[in-house]
C-alpha atoms as a PDB file:
ATOM      1  CA  THR A   1      85.195  84.434  77.156  1.00  0.00           C
ATOM      2  CA  ASN A   2      86.845  86.899  79.500  1.00  0.00           C
ATOM      3  CA  PRO A   3      88.418  85.556  82.690  1.00  0.00           C
ATOM      4  CA  ALA A   4      86.825  86.642  85.961  1.00  0.00           C
ATOM      5  CA  PRO A   5      88.330  89.818  87.412  1.00  0.00           C
ATOM      6  CA  THR A   6      90.978  89.434  90.078  1.00  0.00           C
ATOM      7  CA  PRO A   7      89.343  89.667  93.503  1.00  0.00           C
ATOM      8  CA  ALA A   8      90.387  93.024  94.894  1.00  0.00           C
ATOM      9  CA  THR A   9      89.303  95.705  97.327  1.00  0.00           C
ATOM     10  CA  LEU A  10      89.841  99.438  97.067  1.00  0.00           C
ATOM     11  CA  ILE A  11      90.948 100.727 100.465  1.00  0.00           C
ATOM     12  CA  GLU A  12      91.931 104.056 101.947  1.00  0.00           C
ATOM     13  CA  VAL A  13      94.878 104.165 104.342  1.00  0.00           C
ATOM     14  CA  HIS A  14      95.912 107.014 106.620  1.00  0.00           C
ATOM     15  CA  LEU A  15      99.524 107.086 107.809  1.00  0.00           C
ATOM     16  CA  GLU A  16     101.012 108.857 110.789  1.00  0.00           C
ATOM     17  CA  THR A  17     104.588 108.375 109.609  1.00  0.00           C
ATOM     18  CA  GLY A  18     106.252 107.769 106.274  1.00  0.00           C
ATOM     19  CA  PHE A  19     108.346 104.639 106.723  1.00  0.00           C
ATOM     20  CA  LEU A  20     109.640 103.270 103.428  1.00  0.00           C
ATOM     21  CA  HIS A  21     107.323 100.566 102.030  1.00  0.00           C
ATOM     22  CA  GLN A  22     105.149 100.749 105.193  1.00  0.00           C
ATOM     23  CA  ILE A  23     101.804 100.154 103.460  1.00  0.00           C
ATOM     24  CA  ARG A  24     103.198  97.519 101.119  1.00  0.00           C
ATOM     25  CA  VAL A  25     104.883  95.491 103.860  1.00  0.00           C
ATOM     26  CA  MET A  26     101.962  95.607 106.290  1.00  0.00           C
ATOM     27  CA  LEU A  27      99.276  94.669 103.760  1.00  0.00           C
ATOM     28  CA  ALA A  28     101.390  91.826 102.340  1.00  0.00           C
ATOM     29  CA  ALA A  29     102.008  90.512 105.871  1.00  0.00           C
ATOM     30  CA  LEU A  30      98.241  90.502 106.469  1.00  0.00           C
ATOM     31  CA  GLY A  31      97.726  88.437 103.309  1.00  0.00           C
ATOM     32  CA  HIS A  32      96.343  91.373 101.292  1.00  0.00           C
ATOM     33  CA  PRO A  33      99.193  92.505  99.032  1.00  0.00           C
ATOM     34  CA  ILE A  34      98.867  95.512  96.767  1.00  0.00           C
ATOM     35  CA  LEU A  35      97.852  94.587  93.243  1.00  0.00           C
ATOM     36  CA  GLY A  36     100.880  94.633  90.939  1.00  0.00           C
ATOM     37  CA  ASP A  37     103.446  94.715  93.751  1.00  0.00           C
ATOM     38  CA  ALA A  38     106.188  92.390  92.521  1.00  0.00           C
ATOM     39  CA  ARG A  39     108.469  93.147  95.474  1.00  0.00           C
ATOM     40  CA  TYR A  40     106.149  91.781  98.151  1.00  0.00           C
ATOM     41  CA  THR A  41     104.085  89.242  96.174  1.00  0.00           C
ATOM     42  CA  GLY A  42     106.671  87.767  93.808  1.00  0.00           C
ATOM     43  CA  SER A  43     104.600  88.658  90.737  1.00  0.00           C
ATOM     44  CA  THR A  44     102.984  91.622  89.048  1.00  0.00           C
ATOM     45  CA  THR A  45      99.546  90.300  89.976  1.00  0.00           C
ATOM     46  CA  ALA A  46      97.092  90.385  87.077  1.00  0.00           C
ATOM     47  CA  HIS A  47      99.743  91.857  84.769  1.00  0.00           C
ATOM     48  CA  ARG A  48      99.792  95.327  86.285  1.00  0.00           C
ATOM     49  CA  PRO A  49     102.939  97.251  85.317  1.00  0.00           C
ATOM     50  CA  ARG A  50     103.310  98.818  88.777  1.00  0.00           C
ATOM     51  CA  PRO A  51     101.888  98.599  92.271  1.00  0.00           C
ATOM     52  CA  MET A  52      98.354 100.000  92.284  1.00  0.00           C
ATOM     53  CA  LEU A  53      99.147 102.420  95.092  1.00  0.00           C
ATOM     54  CA  HIS A  54      98.305 106.119  94.871  1.00  0.00           C
ATOM     55  CA  ALA A  55      98.724 109.049  97.259  1.00  0.00           C
ATOM     56  CA  ALA A  56      95.481 110.958  96.743  1.00  0.00           C
ATOM     57  CA  SER A  57      96.493 113.537  99.321  1.00  0.00           C
ATOM     58  CA  LEU A  58      99.528 114.452 101.388  1.00  0.00           C
ATOM     59  CA  THR A  59      99.811 116.928 104.222  1.00  0.00           C
ATOM     60  CA  ALA A  60     103.070 118.283 105.631  1.00  0.00           C
ATOM     61  CA  ALA A  61     102.820 119.837 109.070  1.00  0.00           C
ATOM     62  CA  ALA A  62     103.873 123.452 109.519  1.00  0.00           C
ATOM     63  CA  ASP A  63     106.851 122.574 111.702  1.00  0.00           C
ATOM     64  CA  VAL A  64     108.190 120.183 109.043  1.00  0.00           C
ATOM     65  CA  ILE A  65     107.959 122.265 105.883  1.00  0.00           C
ATOM     66  CA  GLY A  66     107.672 125.895 106.984  1.00  0.00           C
ATOM     67  CA  PRO A  67     105.396 128.322 108.798  1.00  0.00           C
ATOM     68  CA  GLU A  68     102.165 126.986 107.238  1.00  0.00           C
ATOM     69  CA  PRO A  69     101.019 123.393 106.670  1.00  0.00           C
ATOM     70  CA  ILE A  70     100.854 122.252 103.051  1.00  0.00           C
ATOM     71  CA  HIS A  71      98.103 120.002 101.690  1.00  0.00           C
ATOM     72  CA  ILE A  72      98.493 118.499  98.214  1.00  0.00           C
ATOM     73  CA  THR A  73      95.930 116.418  96.317  1.00  0.00           C
ATOM     74  CA  SER A  74      96.331 114.350  93.175  1.00  0.00           C
ATOM     75  CA  PRO A  75      93.670 112.715  90.973  1.00  0.00           C
ATOM     76  CA  LEU A  76      93.842 109.025  90.174  1.00  0.00           C
ATOM     77  CA  PRO A  77      96.159 108.292  87.232  1.00  0.00           C
ATOM     78  CA  GLY A  78      94.631 106.790  84.094  1.00  0.00           C
ATOM     79  CA  ASP A  79      96.225 103.369  84.595  1.00  0.00           C
ATOM     80  CA  PHE A  80      94.771 103.211  88.114  1.00  0.00           C
ATOM     81  CA  ARG A  81      91.301 104.115  86.785  1.00  0.00           C
ATOM     82  CA  ASP A  82      91.647 101.484  84.048  1.00  0.00           C
ATOM     83  CA  THR A  83      92.617  98.868  86.630  1.00  0.00           C
ATOM     84  CA  LEU A  84      89.621  99.719  88.824  1.00  0.00           C
ATOM     85  CA  ALA A  85      87.283  99.456  85.830  1.00  0.00           C
ATOM     86  CA  ALA A  86      88.783  96.101  84.788  1.00  0.00           C
ATOM     87  CA  LEU A  87      88.128  94.819  88.318  1.00  0.00           C
ATOM     88  CA  GLY A  88      84.572  96.129  88.407  1.00  0.00           C
ATOM     89  CA  LEU A  89      85.432  98.727  91.061  1.00  0.00           C
ATOM     90  CA  SER A  90      84.359 102.361  90.968  1.00  0.00           C
ATOM     91  CA  ALA A  91      86.830 105.229  90.897  1.00  0.00           C
ATOM     92  CA  ALA A  92      84.095 107.490  92.325  1.00  0.00           C
ATOM     93  CA  ALA A  93      84.787 106.329  95.878  1.00  0.00           C
ATOM     94  CA  ALA A  94      88.480 107.119  95.501  1.00  0.00           C
ATOM     95  CA  ASP A  95      87.731 110.503  93.924  1.00  0.00           C
ATOM     96  CA  GLN A  96      85.729 111.563  96.989  1.00  0.00           C
ATOM     97  CA  HIS A  97      88.742 111.238  99.280  1.00  0.00           C
ATOM     98  CA  GLY A  98      91.385 113.163  97.341  1.00  0.00           C
END
């Protein structure tokens, strides 16, 4: 028999600043660490090789990068999609927000 999937939730986070480890620290402090985050959980939860954290889109303001703002999007990596499927979560919701 297969073990039950690890309870997990796919969330979308919007940041105003880019402090190092900001998302990881805050979610771990709230008792909701990022799946696979060995630094803030002490283990690679459910045998994930890396934290299941992905920047679907980034925007740099015009005054930071140049005369025009830059917006970059990135699809979910295969290992992230595989993890979602193993947990019974849909990648479709994440794809809509890229």
